[in-house]
Amino acid sequence: ALYEAQHRFVSRLGEGLIDLLAPQAGERILDLGCGTGHLTQQIA
């Protein structure tokens, strides 16, 4: 709950990393240490 309320910046600052990943449709990707899943959804 504290993470969601006060530390969403952790996921927000990781959004540029997804551009570096450049996920493609159909690829199988593991989000290691996914936390509350916000970047997992962006990859999906």
ModelCIF file with pLDDT and N, C-alpha, C, O atoms, coordinates in Angstrom:
data_MODEL
#
_entry.id   MODEL 
#
_entity.id                         1 
_entity.type                       polymer 
_entity.pdbx_number_of_molecules   1 
#
_entity_poly.entity_id                      1 
_entity_poly.type                           'polypeptide(L)' 
_entity_poly.nstd_linkage                   no 
_entity_poly.nstd_monomer                   no 
_entity_poly.pdbx_seq_one_letter_code       ALYEAQHRFVSRLGEGLIDLLAPQAGERILDLGCGTGHLTQQIA 
_entity_poly.pdbx_seq_one_letter_code_can   ALYEAQHRFVSRLGEGLIDLLAPQAGERILDLGCGTGHLTQQIA 
_entity_poly.pdbx_strand_id                 A 
#
loop_
_entity_poly_seq.entity_id 
_entity_poly_seq.num 
_entity_poly_seq.mon_id 
_entity_poly_seq.hetero 
1 1  ALA n 
1 2  LEU n 
1 3  TYR n 
1 4  GLU n 
1 5  ALA n 
1 6  GLN n 
1 7  HIS n 
1 8  ARG n 
1 9  PHE n 
1 10 VAL n 
1 11 SER n 
1 12 ARG n 
1 13 LEU n 
1 14 GLY n 
1 15 GLU n 
1 16 GLY n 
1 17 LEU n 
1 18 ILE n 
1 19 ASP n 
1 20 LEU n 
1 21 LEU n 
1 22 ALA n 
1 23 PRO n 
1 24 GLN n 
1 25 ALA n 
1 26 GLY n 
1 27 GLU n 
1 28 ARG n 
1 29 ILE n 
1 30 LEU n 
1 31 ASP n 
1 32 LEU n 
1 33 GLY n 
1 34 CYS n 
1 35 GLY n 
1 36 THR n 
1 37 GLY n 
1 38 HIS n 
1 39 LEU n 
1 40 THR n 
1 41 GLN n 
1 42 GLN n 
1 43 ILE n 
1 44 ALA n 
#
_struct_asym.id          A 
_struct_asym.entity_id   1 
#
loop_
_ma_qa_metric.id 
_ma_qa_metric.mode 
_ma_qa_metric.name 
_ma_qa_metric.software_group_id 
_ma_qa_metric.type 
1 global pLDDT . pLDDT 
2 local  pLDDT . pLDDT 
#
_ma_qa_metric_global.metric_id      1 
_ma_qa_metric_global.metric_value   79.11 
_ma_qa_metric_global.model_id       1 
_ma_qa_metric_global.ordinal_id     1 
#
loop_
_ma_qa_metric_local.label_asym_id 
_ma_qa_metric_local.label_comp_id 
_ma_qa_metric_local.label_seq_id 
_ma_qa_metric_local.metric_id 
_ma_qa_metric_local.metric_value 
_ma_qa_metric_local.model_id 
_ma_qa_metric_local.ordinal_id 
A ALA 1  2 52.00 1 1  
A LEU 2  2 51.00 1 2  
A TYR 3  2 45.00 1 3  
A GLU 4  2 46.00 1 4  
A ALA 5  2 45.00 1 5  
A GLN 6  2 43.00 1 6  
A HIS 7  2 42.00 1 7  
A ARG 8  2 46.00 1 8  
A PHE 9  2 44.00 1 9  
A VAL 10 2 47.00 1 10 
A SER 11 2 47.00 1 11 
A ARG 12 2 55.00 1 12 
A LEU 13 2 55.00 1 13 
A GLY 14 2 52.00 1 14 
A GLU 15 2 65.00 1 15 
A GLY 16 2 82.00 1 16 
A LEU 17 2 91.00 1 17 
A ILE 18 2 93.00 1 18 
A ASP 19 2 91.00 1 19 
A LEU 20 2 92.00 1 20 
A LEU 21 2 95.00 1 21 
A ALA 22 2 95.00 1 22 
A PRO 23 2 96.00 1 23 
A GLN 24 2 96.00 1 24 
A ALA 25 2 97.00 1 25 
A GLY 26 2 97.00 1 26 
A GLU 27 2 98.00 1 27 
A ARG 28 2 98.00 1 28 
A ILE 29 2 98.00 1 29 
A LEU 30 2 98.00 1 30 
A ASP 31 2 97.00 1 31 
A LEU 32 2 98.00 1 32 
A GLY 33 2 96.00 1 33 
A CYS 34 2 95.00 1 34 
A GLY 35 2 92.00 1 35 
A THR 36 2 92.00 1 36 
A GLY 37 2 94.00 1 37 
A HIS 38 2 93.00 1 38 
A LEU 39 2 94.00 1 39 
A THR 40 2 96.00 1 40 
A GLN 41 2 95.00 1 41 
A GLN 42 2 94.00 1 42 
A ILE 43 2 96.00 1 43 
A ALA 44 2 97.00 1 44 
#
loop_
_atom_site.group_PDB 
_atom_site.id 
_atom_site.type_symbol 
_atom_site.label_atom_id 
_atom_site.label_alt_id 
_atom_site.label_comp_id 
_atom_site.label_asym_id 
_atom_site.label_entity_id 
_atom_site.label_seq_id 
_atom_site.pdbx_PDB_ins_code 
_atom_site.Cartn_x 
_atom_site.Cartn_y 
_atom_site.Cartn_z 
_atom_site.occupancy 
_atom_site.B_iso_or_equiv 
_atom_site.pdbx_formal_charge 
_atom_site.auth_seq_id 
_atom_site.auth_comp_id 
_atom_site.auth_asym_id 
_atom_site.auth_atom_id 
_atom_site.pdbx_PDB_model_num 
ATOM 1   N N  . ALA A 1 1  ? 0.836  -1.203  0.000   1.00 52.00 ? 1  ALA A N  1 
ATOM 2   C CA . ALA A 1 1  ? 0.000  0.000   0.000   1.00 52.00 ? 1  ALA A CA 1 
ATOM 3   C C  . ALA A 1 1  ? 0.874  1.258   0.000   1.00 52.00 ? 1  ALA A C  1 
ATOM 4   O O  . ALA A 1 1  ? 0.611  2.197   -0.751  1.00 52.00 ? 1  ALA A O  1 
ATOM 5   N N  . LEU A 1 2  ? 1.910  1.275   0.840   1.00 51.00 ? 2  LEU A N  1 
ATOM 6   C CA . LEU A 1 2  ? 2.825  2.420   0.864   1.00 51.00 ? 2  LEU A CA 1 
ATOM 7   C C  . LEU A 1 2  ? 3.557  2.548   -0.463  1.00 51.00 ? 2  LEU A C  1 
ATOM 8   O O  . LEU A 1 2  ? 3.770  3.652   -0.963  1.00 51.00 ? 2  LEU A O  1 
ATOM 9   N N  . TYR A 1 3  ? 3.934  1.420   -1.022  1.00 45.00 ? 3  TYR A N  1 
ATOM 10  C CA . TYR A 1 3  ? 4.618  1.438   -2.314  1.00 45.00 ? 3  TYR A CA 1 
ATOM 11  C C  . TYR A 1 3  ? 3.731  2.071   -3.388  1.00 45.00 ? 3  TYR A C  1 
ATOM 12  O O  . TYR A 1 3  ? 4.190  2.913   -4.160  1.00 45.00 ? 3  TYR A O  1 
ATOM 13  N N  . GLU A 1 4  ? 2.471  1.669   -3.433  1.00 46.00 ? 4  GLU A N  1 
ATOM 14  C CA . GLU A 1 4  ? 1.546  2.215   -4.426  1.00 46.00 ? 4  GLU A CA 1 
ATOM 15  C C  . GLU A 1 4  ? 1.283  3.694   -4.191  1.00 46.00 ? 4  GLU A C  1 
ATOM 16  O O  . GLU A 1 4  ? 1.184  4.471   -5.141  1.00 46.00 ? 4  GLU A O  1 
ATOM 17  N N  . ALA A 1 5  ? 1.168  4.084   -2.925  1.00 45.00 ? 5  ALA A N  1 
ATOM 18  C CA . ALA A 1 5  ? 0.790  5.459   -2.611  1.00 45.00 ? 5  ALA A CA 1 
ATOM 19  C C  . ALA A 1 5  ? 1.930  6.447   -2.776  1.00 45.00 ? 5  ALA A C  1 
ATOM 20  O O  . ALA A 1 5  ? 1.713  7.568   -3.236  1.00 45.00 ? 5  ALA A O  1 
ATOM 21  N N  . GLN A 1 6  ? 3.160  6.042   -2.403  1.00 43.00 ? 6  GLN A N  1 
ATOM 22  C CA . GLN A 1 6  ? 4.252  7.008   -2.327  1.00 43.00 ? 6  GLN A CA 1 
ATOM 23  C C  . GLN A 1 6  ? 5.458  6.682   -3.213  1.00 43.00 ? 6  GLN A C  1 
ATOM 24  O O  . GLN A 1 6  ? 6.367  7.504   -3.332  1.00 43.00 ? 6  GLN A O  1 
ATOM 25  N N  . HIS A 1 7  ? 5.484  5.512   -3.827  1.00 42.00 ? 7  HIS A N  1 
ATOM 26  C CA . HIS A 1 7  ? 6.695  5.107   -4.541  1.00 42.00 ? 7  HIS A CA 1 
ATOM 27  C C  . HIS A 1 7  ? 6.426  4.639   -5.969  1.00 42.00 ? 7  HIS A C  1 
ATOM 28  O O  . HIS A 1 7  ? 7.179  3.836   -6.521  1.00 42.00 ? 7  HIS A O  1 
ATOM 29  N N  . ARG A 1 8  ? 5.356  5.144   -6.556  1.00 46.00 ? 8  ARG A N  1 
ATOM 30  C CA . ARG A 1 8  ? 5.082  4.824   -7.950  1.00 46.00 ? 8  ARG A CA 1 
ATOM 31  C C  . ARG A 1 8  ? 6.164  5.378   -8.879  1.00 46.00 ? 8  ARG A C  1 
ATOM 32  O O  . ARG A 1 8  ? 6.269  4.967   -10.035 1.00 46.00 ? 8  ARG A O  1 
ATOM 33  N N  . PHE A 1 9  ? 6.973  6.319   -8.363  1.00 44.00 ? 9  PHE A N  1 
ATOM 34  C CA . PHE A 1 9  ? 8.060  6.847   -9.188  1.00 44.00 ? 9  PHE A CA 1 
ATOM 35  C C  . PHE A 1 9  ? 9.035  5.753   -9.610  1.00 44.00 ? 9  PHE A C  1 
ATOM 36  O O  . PHE A 1 9  ? 9.711  5.892   -10.629 1.00 44.00 ? 9  PHE A O  1 
ATOM 37  N N  . VAL A 1 10 ? 9.118  4.670   -8.844  1.00 47.00 ? 10 VAL A N  1 
ATOM 38  C CA . VAL A 1 10 ? 10.024 3.574   -9.207  1.00 47.00 ? 10 VAL A CA 1 
ATOM 39  C C  . VAL A 1 10 ? 9.630  3.001   -10.563 1.00 47.00 ? 10 VAL A C  1 
ATOM 40  O O  . VAL A 1 10 ? 10.481 2.792   -11.428 1.00 47.00 ? 10 VAL A O  1 
ATOM 41  N N  . SER A 1 11 ? 8.332  2.749   -10.744 1.00 47.00 ? 11 SER A N  1 
ATOM 42  C CA . SER A 1 11 ? 7.853  2.261   -12.037 1.00 47.00 ? 11 SER A CA 1 
ATOM 43  C C  . SER A 1 11 ? 7.937  3.345   -13.104 1.00 47.00 ? 11 SER A C  1 
ATOM 44  O O  . SER A 1 11 ? 8.327  3.080   -14.241 1.00 47.00 ? 11 SER A O  1 
ATOM 45  N N  . ARG A 1 12 ? 7.570  4.558   -12.731 1.00 55.00 ? 12 ARG A N  1 
ATOM 46  C CA . ARG A 1 12 ? 7.555  5.648   -13.712 1.00 55.00 ? 12 ARG A CA 1 
ATOM 47  C C  . ARG A 1 12 ? 8.941  5.881   -14.304 1.00 55.00 ? 12 ARG A C  1 
ATOM 48  O O  . ARG A 1 12 ? 9.079  6.107   -15.506 1.00 55.00 ? 12 ARG A O  1 
ATOM 49  N N  . LEU A 1 13 ? 9.963  5.825   -13.459 1.00 55.00 ? 13 LEU A N  1 
ATOM 50  C CA . LEU A 1 13 ? 11.318 6.062   -13.944 1.00 55.00 ? 13 LEU A CA 1 
ATOM 51  C C  . LEU A 1 13 ? 11.848 4.877   -14.744 1.00 55.00 ? 13 LEU A C  1 
ATOM 52  O O  . LEU A 1 13 ? 12.866 4.998   -15.425 1.00 55.00 ? 13 LEU A O  1 
ATOM 53  N N  . GLY A 1 14 ? 11.174 3.742   -14.671 1.00 52.00 ? 14 GLY A N  1 
ATOM 54  C CA . GLY A 1 14 ? 11.584 2.589   -15.459 1.00 52.00 ? 14 GLY A CA 1 
ATOM 55  C C  . GLY A 1 14 ? 10.939 2.519   -16.831 1.00 52.00 ? 14 GLY A C  1 
ATOM 56  O O  . GLY A 1 14 ? 11.240 1.616   -17.611 1.00 52.00 ? 14 GLY A O  1 
ATOM 57  N N  . GLU A 1 15 ? 10.048 3.469   -17.138 1.00 65.00 ? 15 GLU A N  1 
ATOM 58  C CA . GLU A 1 15 ? 9.324  3.389   -18.408 1.00 65.00 ? 15 GLU A CA 1 
ATOM 59  C C  . GLU A 1 15 ? 10.259 3.507   -19.612 1.00 65.00 ? 15 GLU A C  1 
ATOM 60  O O  . GLU A 1 15 ? 10.040 2.845   -20.626 1.00 65.00 ? 15 GLU A O  1 
ATOM 61  N N  . GLY A 1 16 ? 11.299 4.342   -19.515 1.00 82.00 ? 16 GLY A N  1 
ATOM 62  C CA . GLY A 1 16 ? 12.241 4.465   -20.620 1.00 82.00 ? 16 GLY A CA 1 
ATOM 63  C C  . GLY A 1 16 ? 13.005 3.185   -20.889 1.00 82.00 ? 16 GLY A C  1 
ATOM 64  O O  . GLY A 1 16 ? 13.485 2.958   -22.000 1.00 82.00 ? 16 GLY A O  1 
ATOM 65  N N  . LEU A 1 17 ? 13.115 2.348   -19.867 1.00 91.00 ? 17 LEU A N  1 
ATOM 66  C CA . LEU A 1 17 ? 13.806 1.073   -20.030 1.00 91.00 ? 17 LEU A CA 1 
ATOM 67  C C  . LEU A 1 17 ? 13.034 0.150   -20.971 1.00 91.00 ? 17 LEU A C  1 
ATOM 68  O O  . LEU A 1 17 ? 13.627 -0.681  -21.659 1.00 91.00 ? 17 LEU A O  1 
ATOM 69  N N  . ILE A 1 18 ? 11.716 0.298   -20.998 1.00 93.00 ? 18 ILE A N  1 
ATOM 70  C CA . ILE A 1 18 ? 10.909 -0.524  -21.900 1.00 93.00 ? 18 ILE A CA 1 
ATOM 71  C C  . ILE A 1 18 ? 11.226 -0.187  -23.355 1.00 93.00 ? 18 ILE A C  1 
ATOM 72  O O  . ILE A 1 18 ? 11.225 -1.075  -24.208 1.00 93.00 ? 18 ILE A O  1 
ATOM 73  N N  . ASP A 1 19 ? 11.496 1.079   -23.644 1.00 91.00 ? 19 ASP A N  1 
ATOM 74  C CA . ASP A 1 19 ? 11.893 1.442   -25.005 1.00 91.00 ? 19 ASP A CA 1 
ATOM 75  C C  . ASP A 1 19 ? 13.177 0.727   -25.397 1.00 91.00 ? 19 ASP A C  1 
ATOM 76  O O  . ASP A 1 19 ? 13.337 0.301   -26.541 1.00 91.00 ? 19 ASP A O  1 
ATOM 77  N N  . LEU A 1 20 ? 14.092 0.599   -24.435 1.00 92.00 ? 20 LEU A N  1 
ATOM 78  C CA . LEU A 1 20 ? 15.344 -0.113  -24.702 1.00 92.00 ? 20 LEU A CA 1 
ATOM 79  C C  . LEU A 1 20 ? 15.086 -1.600  -24.910 1.00 92.00 ? 20 LEU A C  1 
ATOM 80  O O  . LEU A 1 20 ? 15.754 -2.235  -25.725 1.00 92.00 ? 20 LEU A O  1 
ATOM 81  N N  . LEU A 1 21 ? 14.137 -2.154  -24.192 1.00 95.00 ? 21 LEU A N  1 
ATOM 82  C CA . LEU A 1 21 ? 13.757 -3.555  -24.369 1.00 95.00 ? 21 LEU A CA 1 
ATOM 83  C C  . LEU A 1 21 ? 13.137 -3.795  -25.740 1.00 95.00 ? 21 LEU A C  1 
ATOM 84  O O  . LEU A 1 21 ? 13.357 -4.839  -26.355 1.00 95.00 ? 21 LEU A O  1 
ATOM 85  N N  . ALA A 1 22 ? 12.364 -2.825  -26.212 1.00 95.00 ? 22 ALA A N  1 
ATOM 86  C CA . ALA A 1 22 ? 11.676 -2.911  -27.510 1.00 95.00 ? 22 ALA A CA 1 
ATOM 87  C C  . ALA A 1 22 ? 10.924 -4.236  -27.653 1.00 95.00 ? 22 ALA A C  1 
ATOM 88  O O  . ALA A 1 22 ? 11.220 -5.011  -28.562 1.00 95.00 ? 22 ALA A O  1 
ATOM 89  N N  . PRO A 1 23 ? 9.960  -4.508  -26.773 1.00 96.00 ? 23 PRO A N  1 
ATOM 90  C CA . PRO A 1 23 ? 9.227  -5.783  -26.842 1.00 96.00 ? 23 PRO A CA 1 
ATOM 91  C C  . PRO A 1 23 ? 8.424  -5.882  -28.129 1.00 96.00 ? 23 PRO A C  1 
ATOM 92  O O  . PRO A 1 23 ? 7.881  -4.896  -28.628 1.00 96.00 ? 23 PRO A O  1 
ATOM 93  N N  . GLN A 1 24 ? 8.365  -7.094  -28.647 1.00 96.00 ? 24 GLN A N  1 
ATOM 94  C CA . GLN A 1 24 ? 7.650  -7.352  -29.898 1.00 96.00 ? 24 GLN A CA 1 
ATOM 95  C C  . GLN A 1 24 ? 6.463  -8.266  -29.638 1.00 96.00 ? 24 GLN A C  1 
ATOM 96  O O  . GLN A 1 24 ? 6.489  -9.097  -28.730 1.00 96.00 ? 24 GLN A O  1 
ATOM 97  N N  . ALA A 1 25 ? 5.432  -8.104  -30.439 1.00 97.00 ? 25 ALA A N  1 
ATOM 98  C CA . ALA A 1 25 ? 4.242  -8.941  -30.316 1.00 97.00 ? 25 ALA A CA 1 
ATOM 99  C C  . ALA A 1 25 ? 4.619  -10.411 -30.422 1.00 97.00 ? 25 ALA A C  1 
ATOM 100 O O  . ALA A 1 25 ? 5.363  -10.805 -31.320 1.00 97.00 ? 25 ALA A O  1 
ATOM 101 N N  . GLY A 1 26 ? 4.112  -11.207 -29.518 1.00 97.00 ? 26 GLY A N  1 
ATOM 102 C CA . GLY A 1 26 ? 4.356  -12.642 -29.534 1.00 97.00 ? 26 GLY A CA 1 
ATOM 103 C C  . GLY A 1 26 ? 5.580  -13.084 -28.764 1.00 97.00 ? 26 GLY A C  1 
ATOM 104 O O  . GLY A 1 26 ? 5.715  -14.275 -28.485 1.00 97.00 ? 26 GLY A O  1 
ATOM 105 N N  . GLU A 1 27 ? 6.479  -12.179 -28.408 1.00 98.00 ? 27 GLU A N  1 
ATOM 106 C CA . GLU A 1 27 ? 7.659  -12.567 -27.643 1.00 98.00 ? 27 GLU A CA 1 
ATOM 107 C C  . GLU A 1 27 ? 7.264  -13.003 -26.229 1.00 98.00 ? 27 GLU A C  1 
ATOM 108 O O  . GLU A 1 27 ? 6.300  -12.501 -25.652 1.00 98.00 ? 27 GLU A O  1 
ATOM 109 N N  . ARG A 1 28 ? 8.031  -13.944 -25.692 1.00 98.00 ? 28 ARG A N  1 
ATOM 110 C CA . ARG A 1 28 ? 7.871  -14.348 -24.291 1.00 98.00 ? 28 ARG A CA 1 
ATOM 111 C C  . ARG A 1 28 ? 8.883  -13.553 -23.467 1.00 98.00 ? 28 ARG A C  1 
ATOM 112 O O  . ARG A 1 28 ? 10.092 -13.659 -23.675 1.00 98.00 ? 28 ARG A O  1 
ATOM 113 N N  . ILE A 1 29 ? 8.369  -12.757 -22.531 1.00 98.00 ? 29 ILE A N  1 
ATOM 114 C CA . ILE A 1 29 ? 9.222  -11.868 -21.752 1.00 98.00 ? 29 ILE A CA 1 
ATOM 115 C C  . ILE A 1 29 ? 8.954  -12.073 -20.267 1.00 98.00 ? 29 ILE A C  1 
ATOM 116 O O  . ILE A 1 29 ? 7.804  -12.168 -19.837 1.00 98.00 ? 29 ILE A O  1 
ATOM 117 N N  . LEU A 1 30 ? 10.025 -12.139 -19.498 1.00 98.00 ? 30 LEU A N  1 
ATOM 118 C CA . LEU A 1 30 ? 9.946  -12.266 -18.047 1.00 98.00 ? 30 LEU A CA 1 
ATOM 119 C C  . LEU A 1 30 ? 10.276 -10.916 -17.419 1.00 98.00 ? 30 LEU A C  1 
ATOM 120 O O  . LEU A 1 30 ? 11.330 -10.338 -17.685 1.00 98.00 ? 30 LEU A O  1 
ATOM 121 N N  . ASP A 1 31 ? 9.362  -10.419 -16.578 1.00 97.00 ? 31 ASP A N  1 
ATOM 122 C CA . ASP A 1 31 ? 9.601  -9.204  -15.802 1.00 97.00 ? 31 ASP A CA 1 
ATOM 123 C C  . ASP A 1 31 ? 10.072 -9.653  -14.419 1.00 97.00 ? 31 ASP A C  1 
ATOM 124 O O  . ASP A 1 31 ? 9.271  -10.062 -13.579 1.00 97.00 ? 31 ASP A O  1 
ATOM 125 N N  . LEU A 1 32 ? 11.369 -9.571  -14.202 1.00 98.00 ? 32 LEU A N  1 
ATOM 126 C CA . LEU A 1 32 ? 11.994 -10.107 -12.991 1.00 98.00 ? 32 LEU A CA 1 
ATOM 127 C C  . LEU A 1 32 ? 11.991 -9.047  -11.890 1.00 98.00 ? 32 LEU A C  1 
ATOM 128 O O  . LEU A 1 32 ? 12.612 -7.993  -12.030 1.00 98.00 ? 32 LEU A O  1 
ATOM 129 N N  . GLY A 1 33 ? 11.285 -9.337  -10.794 1.00 96.00 ? 33 GLY A N  1 
ATOM 130 C CA . GLY A 1 33 ? 11.097 -8.351  -9.744  1.00 96.00 ? 33 GLY A CA 1 
ATOM 131 C C  . GLY A 1 33 ? 10.022 -7.360  -10.136 1.00 96.00 ? 33 GLY A C  1 
ATOM 132 O O  . GLY A 1 33 ? 10.239 -6.149  -10.113 1.00 96.00 ? 33 GLY A O  1 
ATOM 133 N N  . CYS A 1 34 ? 8.860  -7.881  -10.497 1.00 95.00 ? 34 CYS A N  1 
ATOM 134 C CA . CYS A 1 34 ? 7.807  -7.076  -11.138 1.00 95.00 ? 34 CYS A CA 1 
ATOM 135 C C  . CYS A 1 34 ? 7.086  -6.154  -10.175 1.00 95.00 ? 34 CYS A C  1 
ATOM 136 O O  . CYS A 1 34 ? 6.405  -5.230  -10.621 1.00 95.00 ? 34 CYS A O  1 
ATOM 137 N N  . GLY A 1 35 ? 7.208  -6.368  -8.857  1.00 92.00 ? 35 GLY A N  1 
ATOM 138 C CA . GLY A 1 35 ? 6.510  -5.511  -7.908  1.00 92.00 ? 35 GLY A CA 1 
ATOM 139 C C  . GLY A 1 35 ? 5.011  -5.546  -8.117  1.00 92.00 ? 35 GLY A C  1 
ATOM 140 O O  . GLY A 1 35 ? 4.418  -6.622  -8.197  1.00 92.00 ? 35 GLY A O  1 
ATOM 141 N N  . THR A 1 36 ? 4.391  -4.377  -8.208  1.00 92.00 ? 36 THR A N  1 
ATOM 142 C CA . THR A 1 36 ? 2.940  -4.307  -8.329  1.00 92.00 ? 36 THR A CA 1 
ATOM 143 C C  . THR A 1 36 ? 2.455  -4.329  -9.775  1.00 92.00 ? 36 THR A C  1 
ATOM 144 O O  . THR A 1 36 ? 1.269  -4.114  -10.029 1.00 92.00 ? 36 THR A O  1 
ATOM 145 N N  . GLY A 1 37 ? 3.340  -4.581  -10.711 1.00 94.00 ? 37 GLY A N  1 
ATOM 146 C CA . GLY A 1 37 ? 2.925  -4.962  -12.056 1.00 94.00 ? 37 GLY A CA 1 
ATOM 147 C C  . GLY A 1 37 ? 2.738  -3.864  -13.082 1.00 94.00 ? 37 GLY A C  1 
ATOM 148 O O  . GLY A 1 37 ? 2.310  -4.151  -14.200 1.00 94.00 ? 37 GLY A O  1 
ATOM 149 N N  . HIS A 1 38 ? 3.039  -2.624  -12.753 1.00 93.00 ? 38 HIS A N  1 
ATOM 150 C CA . HIS A 1 38 ? 2.752  -1.543  -13.700 1.00 93.00 ? 38 HIS A CA 1 
ATOM 151 C C  . HIS A 1 38 ? 3.581  -1.645  -14.979 1.00 93.00 ? 38 HIS A C  1 
ATOM 152 O O  . HIS A 1 38 ? 3.063  -1.441  -16.077 1.00 93.00 ? 38 HIS A O  1 
ATOM 153 N N  . LEU A 1 39 ? 4.857  -1.958  -14.837 1.00 94.00 ? 39 LEU A N  1 
ATOM 154 C CA . LEU A 1 39 ? 5.679  -2.099  -16.033 1.00 94.00 ? 39 LEU A CA 1 
ATOM 155 C C  . LEU A 1 39 ? 5.385  -3.415  -16.751 1.00 94.00 ? 39 LEU A C  1 
ATOM 156 O O  . LEU A 1 39 ? 5.533  -3.501  -17.970 1.00 94.00 ? 39 LEU A O  1 
ATOM 157 N N  . THR A 1 40 ? 4.978  -4.423  -16.017 1.00 96.00 ? 40 THR A N  1 
ATOM 158 C CA . THR A 1 40 ? 4.571  -5.684  -16.645 1.00 96.00 ? 40 THR A CA 1 
ATOM 159 C C  . THR A 1 40 ? 3.440  -5.427  -17.637 1.00 96.00 ? 40 THR A C  1 
ATOM 160 O O  . THR A 1 40 ? 3.445  -5.948  -18.752 1.00 96.00 ? 40 THR A O  1 
ATOM 161 N N  . GLN A 1 41 ? 2.470  -4.614  -17.214 1.00 95.00 ? 41 GLN A N  1 
ATOM 162 C CA . GLN A 1 41 ? 1.359  -4.290  -18.103 1.00 95.00 ? 41 GLN A CA 1 
ATOM 163 C C  . GLN A 1 41 ? 1.833  -3.489  -19.307 1.00 95.00 ? 41 GLN A C  1 
ATOM 164 O O  . GLN A 1 41 ? 1.363  -3.718  -20.421 1.00 95.00 ? 41 GLN A O  1 
ATOM 165 N N  . GLN A 1 42 ? 2.746  -2.564  -19.105 1.00 94.00 ? 42 GLN A N  1 
ATOM 166 C CA . GLN A 1 42 ? 3.234  -1.786  -20.240 1.00 94.00 ? 42 GLN A CA 1 
ATOM 167 C C  . GLN A 1 42 ? 3.936  -2.670  -21.261 1.00 94.00 ? 42 GLN A C  1 
ATOM 168 O O  . GLN A 1 42 ? 3.815  -2.444  -22.466 1.00 94.00 ? 42 GLN A O  1 
ATOM 169 N N  . ILE A 1 43 ? 4.659  -3.662  -20.795 1.00 96.00 ? 43 ILE A N  1 
ATOM 170 C CA . ILE A 1 43 ? 5.287  -4.612  -21.718 1.00 96.00 ? 43 ILE A CA 1 
ATOM 171 C C  . ILE A 1 43 ? 4.201  -5.404  -22.448 1.00 96.00 ? 43 ILE A C  1 
ATOM 172 O O  . ILE A 1 43 ? 4.288  -5.622  -23.656 1.00 96.00 ? 43 ILE A O  1 
ATOM 173 N N  . ALA A 1 44 ? 3.188  -5.826  -21.712 1.00 97.00 ? 44 ALA A N  1 
ATOM 174 C CA . ALA A 1 44 ? 2.092  -6.587  -22.328 1.00 97.00 ? 44 ALA A CA 1 
ATOM 175 C C  . ALA A 1 44 ? 1.362  -5.775  -23.384 1.00 97.00 ? 44 ALA A C  1 
ATOM 176 O O  . ALA A 1 44 ? 0.415  -6.268  -23.996 1.00 97.00 ? 44 ALA A O  1 
#
